[in-house]
C-alpha atoms as a PDB file:
ATOM      1  CA  UNK A   1      75.509 133.491  73.175  1.00  0.00           C
ATOM      2  CA  UNK A   2      72.261 131.544  73.570  1.00  0.00           C
ATOM      3  CA  UNK A   3      73.894 128.514  71.962  1.00  0.00           C
ATOM      4  CA  UNK A   4      76.697 128.651  74.522  1.00  0.00           C
ATOM      5  CA  UNK A   5      74.191 128.870  77.377  1.00  0.00           C
ATOM      6  CA  UNK A   6      72.193 125.921  75.991  1.00  0.00           C
ATOM      7  CA  UNK A   7      75.378 123.878  75.577  1.00  0.00           C
ATOM      8  CA  UNK A   8      76.369 124.607  79.164  1.00  0.00           C
ATOM      9  CA  UNK A   9      72.938 123.597  80.444  1.00  0.00           C
ATOM     10  CA  UNK A  10      72.969 120.371  78.413  1.00  0.00           C
ATOM     11  CA  UNK A  11      76.463 119.553  79.619  1.00  0.00           C
ATOM     12  CA  UNK A  12      75.400 120.151  83.204  1.00  0.00           C
ATOM     13  CA  UNK A  13      72.345 117.932  82.849  1.00  0.00           C
ATOM     14  CA  UNK A  14      74.434 115.159  81.300  1.00  0.00           C
ATOM     15  CA  UNK A  15      77.000 115.369  84.094  1.00  0.00           C
ATOM     16  CA  UNK A  16      74.283 115.239  86.739  1.00  0.00           C
ATOM     17  CA  UNK A  17      72.627 112.296  85.007  1.00  0.00           C
ATOM     18  CA  UNK A  18      75.978 110.531  84.780  1.00  0.00           C
ATOM     19  CA  UNK A  19      76.614 111.058  88.491  1.00  0.00           C
ATOM     20  CA  UNK A  20      73.155 109.761  89.405  1.00  0.00           C
ATOM     21  CA  UNK A  21      73.611 106.775  87.106  1.00  0.00           C
ATOM     22  CA  UNK A  22      76.992 105.991  88.640  1.00  0.00           C
ATOM     23  CA  UNK A  23      75.450 106.070  92.119  1.00  0.00           C
ATOM     24  CA  UNK A  24      72.678 103.748  90.986  1.00  0.00           C
ATOM     25  CA  UNK A  25      75.290 101.273  89.736  1.00  0.00           C
ATOM     26  CA  UNK A  26      77.135 101.182  93.088  1.00  0.00           C
ATOM     27  CA  UNK A  27      76.287  97.794  94.662  1.00  0.00           C
ATOM     28  CA  UNK A  28      74.673  98.034  98.063  1.00  0.00           C
ATOM     29  CA  UNK A  29      73.607  94.467  98.814  1.00  0.00           C
ATOM     30  CA  UNK A  30      76.042  92.381 100.844  1.00  0.00           C
ATOM     31  CA  UNK A  31      76.056  88.890  99.382  1.00  0.00           C
ATOM     32  CA  UNK A  32      76.861  87.500 102.823  1.00  0.00           C
ATOM     33  CA  UNK A  33      73.504  88.794 104.100  1.00  0.00           C
ATOM     34  CA  UNK A  34      71.624  86.386 101.832  1.00  0.00           C
ATOM     35  CA  UNK A  35      73.790  83.365 102.702  1.00  0.00           C
ATOM     36  CA  UNK A  36      73.932  81.216 105.853  1.00  0.00           C
ATOM     37  CA  UNK A  37      76.218  82.861 108.458  1.00  0.00           C
ATOM     38  CA  UNK A  38      79.850  81.842 108.085  1.00  0.00           C
ATOM     39  CA  UNK A  39      81.186  80.005 111.129  1.00  0.00           C
ATOM     40  CA  UNK A  40      84.686  78.802 110.311  1.00  0.00           C
ATOM     41  CA  UNK A  41      85.288  76.795 113.491  1.00  0.00           C
ATOM     42  CA  UNK A  42      82.023  74.891 113.071  1.00  0.00           C
ATOM     43  CA  UNK A  43      82.412  74.450 109.300  1.00  0.00           C
ATOM     44  CA  UNK A  44      85.733  72.580 109.455  1.00  0.00           C
ATOM     45  CA  UNK A  45      85.672  69.176 111.198  1.00  0.00           C
ATOM     46  CA  UNK A  46      88.415  68.404 113.681  1.00  0.00           C
ATOM     47  CA  UNK A  47      88.680  64.855 112.326  1.00  0.00           C
ATOM     48  CA  UNK A  48      88.316  63.635 108.736  1.00  0.00           C
ATOM     49  CA  UNK A  49      89.929  61.001 106.525  1.00  0.00           C
ATOM     50  CA  UNK A  50      93.320  60.160 108.009  1.00  0.00           C
ATOM     51  CA  UNK A  51      93.589  63.533 109.748  1.00  0.00           C
ATOM     52  CA  UNK A  52      92.802  64.790 113.217  1.00  0.00           C
ATOM     53  CA  UNK A  53      93.407  68.125 114.895  1.00  0.00           C
ATOM     54  CA  UNK A  54      96.501  68.359 117.056  1.00  0.00           C
ATOM     55  CA  UNK A  55      95.801  70.740 119.912  1.00  0.00           C
ATOM     56  CA  UNK A  56      99.457  71.523 120.602  1.00  0.00           C
ATOM     57  CA  UNK A  57     100.625  71.568 116.988  1.00  0.00           C
ATOM     58  CA  UNK A  58     103.059  73.866 115.234  1.00  0.00           C
ATOM     59  CA  UNK A  59     101.865  77.203 113.942  1.00  0.00           C
ATOM     60  CA  UNK A  60     103.074  80.010 111.768  1.00  0.00           C
ATOM     61  CA  UNK A  61     104.965  82.838 113.425  1.00  0.00           C
ATOM     62  CA  UNK A  62     102.579  85.759 113.923  1.00  0.00           C
ATOM     63  CA  UNK A  63     103.901  89.297 113.955  1.00  0.00           C
ATOM     64  CA  UNK A  64     101.597  91.470 116.163  1.00  0.00           C
ATOM     65  CA  UNK A  65     101.478  94.229 113.535  1.00  0.00           C
ATOM     66  CA  UNK A  66     100.425  91.714 110.884  1.00  0.00           C
ATOM     67  CA  UNK A  67      97.787  90.239 113.194  1.00  0.00           C
ATOM     68  CA  UNK A  68      96.339  93.711 113.806  1.00  0.00           C
ATOM     69  CA  UNK A  69      96.148  94.308 110.063  1.00  0.00           C
ATOM     70  CA  UNK A  70      94.384  90.994 109.507  1.00  0.00           C
ATOM     71  CA  UNK A  71      91.719  91.928 112.058  1.00  0.00           C
ATOM     72  CA  UNK A  72      90.926  95.010 109.970  1.00  0.00           C
ATOM     73  CA  UNK A  73      90.512  92.968 106.791  1.00  0.00           C
ATOM     74  CA  UNK A  74      88.795  89.788 107.910  1.00  0.00           C
ATOM     75  CA  UNK A  75      85.583  89.068 109.788  1.00  0.00           C
ATOM     76  CA  UNK A  76      86.824  85.672 111.028  1.00  0.00           C
ATOM     77  CA  UNK A  77      90.034  83.651 111.008  1.00  0.00           C
ATOM     78  CA  UNK A  78      90.782  80.034 111.884  1.00  0.00           C
ATOM     79  CA  UNK A  79      94.143  78.317 112.376  1.00  0.00           C
ATOM     80  CA  UNK A  80      94.556  74.624 113.135  1.00  0.00           C
ATOM     81  CA  UNK A  81      97.232  71.957 112.855  1.00  0.00           C
ATOM     82  CA  UNK A  82      96.274  68.465 111.717  1.00  0.00           C
ATOM     83  CA  UNK A  83      98.328  65.297 111.947  1.00  0.00           C
ATOM     84  CA  UNK A  84      97.898  61.970 110.122  1.00  0.00           C
ATOM     85  CA  UNK A  85      98.685  58.429 111.218  1.00  0.00           C
ATOM     86  CA  UNK A  86     102.277  58.819 109.952  1.00  0.00           C
ATOM     87  CA  UNK A  87     102.831  61.848 112.147  1.00  0.00           C
ATOM     88  CA  UNK A  88     102.913  64.315 109.215  1.00  0.00           C
ATOM     89  CA  UNK A  89     101.506  67.717 110.123  1.00  0.00           C
ATOM     90  CA  UNK A  90      99.585  70.156 107.953  1.00  0.00           C
ATOM     91  CA  UNK A  91      98.715  73.638 109.130  1.00  0.00           C
ATOM     92  CA  UNK A  92      95.364  74.972 107.948  1.00  0.00           C
ATOM     93  CA  UNK A  93      94.602  78.687 107.959  1.00  0.00           C
ATOM     94  CA  UNK A  94      91.316  80.260 106.842  1.00  0.00           C
ATOM     95  CA  UNK A  95      90.462  83.946 106.740  1.00  0.00           C
ATOM     96  CA  UNK A  96      86.965  85.145 105.858  1.00  0.00           C
ATOM     97  CA  UNK A  97      85.816  88.657 105.007  1.00  0.00           C
ATOM     98  CA  UNK A  98      82.138  89.493 104.577  1.00  0.00           C
ATOM     99  CA  UNK A  99      83.016  92.506 102.430  1.00  0.00           C
ATOM    100  CA  UNK A 100      85.463  92.044  99.560  1.00  0.00           C
ATOM    101  CA  UNK A 101      85.686  95.622  98.342  1.00  0.00           C
ATOM    102  CA  UNK A 102      88.651  97.684  97.191  1.00  0.00           C
ATOM    103  CA  UNK A 103      89.229  98.929 100.718  1.00  0.00           C
ATOM    104  CA  UNK A 104      89.071  95.450 102.261  1.00  0.00           C
ATOM    105  CA  UNK A 105      91.137  93.169 100.070  1.00  0.00           C
ATOM    106  CA  UNK A 106      92.829  89.852 100.811  1.00  0.00           C
ATOM    107  CA  UNK A 107      96.182  89.777 102.589  1.00  0.00           C
ATOM    108  CA  UNK A 108      98.133  87.298 100.496  1.00  0.00           C
ATOM    109  CA  UNK A 109     100.882  84.997 101.873  1.00  0.00           C
ATOM    110  CA  UNK A 110     103.431  86.609  99.519  1.00  0.00           C
ATOM    111  CA  UNK A 111     102.965  89.708 101.672  1.00  0.00           C
ATOM    112  CA  UNK A 112     102.310  88.364 105.169  1.00  0.00           C
ATOM    113  CA  UNK A 113     105.097  85.740 105.207  1.00  0.00           C
ATOM    114  CA  UNK A 114     107.904  88.267 104.480  1.00  0.00           C
ATOM    115  CA  UNK A 115     106.285  90.581 107.041  1.00  0.00           C
ATOM    116  CA  UNK A 116     106.893  87.814 109.594  1.00  0.00           C
ATOM    117  CA  UNK A 117     110.545  87.422 108.606  1.00  0.00           C
ATOM    118  CA  UNK A 118     110.216  84.637 106.024  1.00  0.00           C
ATOM    119  CA  UNK A 119     112.002  84.617 102.686  1.00  0.00           C
ATOM    120  CA  UNK A 120     109.912  83.553  99.686  1.00  0.00           C
ATOM    121  CA  UNK A 121     112.200  81.526  97.409  1.00  0.00           C
ATOM    122  CA  UNK A 122     109.553  80.051  95.097  1.00  0.00           C
ATOM    123  CA  UNK A 123     106.247  81.371  93.797  1.00  0.00           C
ATOM    124  CA  UNK A 124     104.274  79.569  91.084  1.00  0.00           C
ATOM    125  CA  UNK A 125     100.756  78.928  89.848  1.00  0.00           C
ATOM    126  CA  UNK A 126      99.491  75.379  90.062  1.00  0.00           C
ATOM    127  CA  UNK A 127      96.473  73.133  90.015  1.00  0.00           C
ATOM    128  CA  UNK A 128      95.331  71.110  93.000  1.00  0.00           C
ATOM    129  CA  UNK A 129      93.465  68.014  91.822  1.00  0.00           C
ATOM    130  CA  UNK A 130      90.564  66.752  93.908  1.00  0.00           C
ATOM    131  CA  UNK A 131      87.854  64.119  93.379  1.00  0.00           C
ATOM    132  CA  UNK A 132      85.376  66.897  92.543  1.00  0.00           C
ATOM    133  CA  UNK A 133      87.561  68.901  90.207  1.00  0.00           C
ATOM    134  CA  UNK A 134      90.685  70.991  89.938  1.00  0.00           C
ATOM    135  CA  UNK A 135      91.360  74.065  92.055  1.00  0.00           C
ATOM    136  CA  UNK A 136      93.747  76.708  90.680  1.00  0.00           C
ATOM    137  CA  UNK A 137      96.254  77.540  93.414  1.00  0.00           C
ATOM    138  CA  UNK A 138      99.422  79.414  94.253  1.00  0.00           C
ATOM    139  CA  UNK A 139     102.377  77.488  95.637  1.00  0.00           C
ATOM    140  CA  UNK A 140     105.103  79.189  97.639  1.00  0.00           C
ATOM    141  CA  UNK A 141     108.396  77.971  99.031  1.00  0.00           C
ATOM    142  CA  UNK A 142     109.376  79.904 102.132  1.00  0.00           C
ATOM    143  CA  UNK A 143     111.957  79.671 104.882  1.00  0.00           C
ATOM    144  CA  UNK A 144     112.655  81.490 108.108  1.00  0.00           C
ATOM    145  CA  UNK A 145     116.362  82.231 108.594  1.00  0.00           C
ATOM    146  CA  UNK A 146     117.244  79.068 106.678  1.00  0.00           C
ATOM    147  CA  UNK A 147     115.962  76.999 109.614  1.00  0.00           C
ATOM    148  CA  UNK A 148     112.219  76.566 109.127  1.00  0.00           C
ATOM    149  CA  UNK A 149     111.208  75.542 105.599  1.00  0.00           C
ATOM    150  CA  UNK A 150     107.490  75.952 104.982  1.00  0.00           C
ATOM    151  CA  UNK A 151     105.963  75.168 101.560  1.00  0.00           C
ATOM    152  CA  UNK A 152     102.561  76.840 101.180  1.00  0.00           C
ATOM    153  CA  UNK A 153      99.533  76.139  98.992  1.00  0.00           C
ATOM    154  CA  UNK A 154      96.736  78.693  98.897  1.00  0.00           C
ATOM    155  CA  UNK A 155      93.831  80.100  96.926  1.00  0.00           C
ATOM    156  CA  UNK A 156      91.132  82.687  97.421  1.00  0.00           C
ATOM    157  CA  UNK A 157      87.418  82.672  96.754  1.00  0.00           C
ATOM    158  CA  UNK A 158      85.210  85.645  95.917  1.00  0.00           C
ATOM    159  CA  UNK A 159      81.615  84.609  96.503  1.00  0.00           C
ATOM    160  CA  UNK A 160      81.652  81.018  95.275  1.00  0.00           C
ATOM    161  CA  UNK A 161      84.343  81.539  92.622  1.00  0.00           C
ATOM    162  CA  UNK A 162      88.044  80.763  93.030  1.00  0.00           C
ATOM    163  CA  UNK A 163      90.135  83.814  92.171  1.00  0.00           C
ATOM    164  CA  UNK A 164      93.927  83.684  91.918  1.00  0.00           C
ATOM    165  CA  UNK A 165      95.833  86.932  91.565  1.00  0.00           C
ATOM    166  CA  UNK A 166      94.731  90.536  91.737  1.00  0.00           C
ATOM    167  CA  UNK A 167      93.419  90.865  88.171  1.00  0.00           C
ATOM    168  CA  UNK A 168      91.378  87.663  88.313  1.00  0.00           C
ATOM    169  CA  UNK A 169      89.965  88.713  91.692  1.00  0.00           C
ATOM    170  CA  UNK A 170      88.942  92.127  90.341  1.00  0.00           C
ATOM    171  CA  UNK A 171      87.165  90.537  87.370  1.00  0.00           C
ATOM    172  CA  UNK A 172      85.175  88.198  89.610  1.00  0.00           C
ATOM    173  CA  UNK A 173      84.308  91.073  91.956  1.00  0.00           C
ATOM    174  CA  UNK A 174      83.147  93.137  88.956  1.00  0.00           C
ATOM    175  CA  UNK A 175      80.730  90.418  87.851  1.00  0.00           C
ATOM    176  CA  UNK A 176      79.139  90.385  91.288  1.00  0.00           C
ATOM    177  CA  UNK A 177      78.971  94.180  91.455  1.00  0.00           C
ATOM    178  CA  UNK A 178      77.283  94.426  88.066  1.00  0.00           C
ATOM    179  CA  UNK A 179      74.592  92.217  89.592  1.00  0.00           C
ATOM    180  CA  UNK A 180      74.253  94.667  92.485  1.00  0.00           C
ATOM    181  CA  UNK A 181      76.108  92.525  95.039  1.00  0.00           C
ATOM    182  CA  UNK A 182      79.125  93.146  97.252  1.00  0.00           C
ATOM    183  CA  UNK A 183      80.742  89.686  97.474  1.00  0.00           C
ATOM    184  CA  UNK A 184      82.318  88.055 100.476  1.00  0.00           C
ATOM    185  CA  UNK A 185      85.711  86.399 100.249  1.00  0.00           C
ATOM    186  CA  UNK A 186      87.861  83.706 101.808  1.00  0.00           C
ATOM    187  CA  UNK A 187      91.570  82.904 101.813  1.00  0.00           C
ATOM    188  CA  UNK A 188      92.309  79.175 102.170  1.00  0.00           C
ATOM    189  CA  UNK A 189      95.903  78.230 103.047  1.00  0.00           C
ATOM    190  CA  UNK A 190      97.661  74.996 103.923  1.00  0.00           C
ATOM    191  CA  UNK A 191     101.341  74.637 104.755  1.00  0.00           C
ATOM    192  CA  UNK A 192     103.823  72.156 106.192  1.00  0.00           C
ATOM    193  CA  UNK A 193     107.213  72.268 107.873  1.00  0.00           C
ATOM    194  CA  UNK A 194     109.208  70.252 105.348  1.00  0.00           C
ATOM    195  CA  UNK A 195     112.516  70.595 103.504  1.00  0.00           C
ATOM    196  CA  UNK A 196     111.077  68.607 100.560  1.00  0.00           C
ATOM    197  CA  UNK A 197     108.622  70.867  98.675  1.00  0.00           C
ATOM    198  CA  UNK A 198     107.440  68.145  96.291  1.00  0.00           C
ATOM    199  CA  UNK A 199     106.492  65.858  99.181  1.00  0.00           C
ATOM    200  CA  UNK A 200     104.877  68.712 101.057  1.00  0.00           C
ATOM    201  CA  UNK A 201     102.727  69.814  98.106  1.00  0.00           C
ATOM    202  CA  UNK A 202     101.636  66.217  97.440  1.00  0.00           C
ATOM    203  CA  UNK A 203     100.540  65.721 101.065  1.00  0.00           C
ATOM    204  CA  UNK A 204      98.768  69.074 101.071  1.00  0.00           C
ATOM    205  CA  UNK A 205      96.814  67.985  97.982  1.00  0.00           C
ATOM    206  CA  UNK A 206      95.729  64.793  99.753  1.00  0.00           C
ATOM    207  CA  UNK A 207      94.773  66.809 102.824  1.00  0.00           C
ATOM    208  CA  UNK A 208      92.531  69.138 100.815  1.00  0.00           C
ATOM    209  CA  UNK A 209      90.951  66.208  98.955  1.00  0.00           C
ATOM    210  CA  UNK A 210      90.160  64.474 102.258  1.00  0.00           C
ATOM    211  CA  UNK A 211      88.717  67.655 103.737  1.00  0.00           C
ATOM    212  CA  UNK A 212      86.652  68.264 100.630  1.00  0.00           C
ATOM    213  CA  UNK A 213      84.953  64.900 100.995  1.00  0.00           C
ATOM    214  CA  UNK A 214      83.993  65.762 104.584  1.00  0.00           C
ATOM    215  CA  UNK A 215      82.329  69.091 103.753  1.00  0.00           C
ATOM    216  CA  UNK A 216      78.657  69.560 102.837  1.00  0.00           C
ATOM    217  CA  UNK A 217      78.053  70.878  99.283  1.00  0.00           C
ATOM    218  CA  UNK A 218      77.220  74.463 100.305  1.00  0.00           C
ATOM    219  CA  UNK A 219      80.379  74.786 102.402  1.00  0.00           C
ATOM    220  CA  UNK A 220      82.505  73.118  99.751  1.00  0.00           C
ATOM    221  CA  UNK A 221      81.255  75.630  97.180  1.00  0.00           C
ATOM    222  CA  UNK A 222      82.101  78.647  99.331  1.00  0.00           C
ATOM    223  CA  UNK A 223      85.507  77.286 100.386  1.00  0.00           C
ATOM    224  CA  UNK A 224      86.674  75.663  97.140  1.00  0.00           C
ATOM    225  CA  UNK A 225      84.400  76.817  94.344  1.00  0.00           C
ATOM    226  CA  UNK A 226      83.322  73.222  93.696  1.00  0.00           C
ATOM    227  CA  UNK A 227      79.993  71.457  94.196  1.00  0.00           C
END
């Protein structure tokens, strides 16, 4: 009888200690609090390389329900259209969240494009080559009612690490959490209205490379995971 009581007490103590230990391991420090404030509009120049912002450019269709959901997830968003000297347009979309936790995860284009009526006809992993290194990316081929063809290149960052896909993102988040930090996150997307995906992806790669050269090192690291 005494042995049973002792076993119960020991088990209770171990459970309490485990609960306390688990609470101690829960990260409480927001990584964004120790970094310069993120200001998307000020961080991205309106003119760089062969590109300049087009004030009345094309934009992605935005479903109000999707837009409301994005406001819950992200702290800031930025959407601009840039045009080069040949008249080719690239749409840039950035979405930043100061808290990348399980309850506030990225809203990927594979989800938001179909929610706006687009069909995703191609979805592949790729590598975007830049002067400062390669960026792992996702490339999508989408169309709206067979009329608007919009190839998309995107990636996400968690802290200053590029993370593609849910599993990779969780692993990066875990590394930050083990260090006691709740990381921030950013979704970086470029797209074009073009019926030729190969041409569109090539121009998007040049666009990102040009933008990269115009960014200061700290911004480049947070946006692209590259120094």
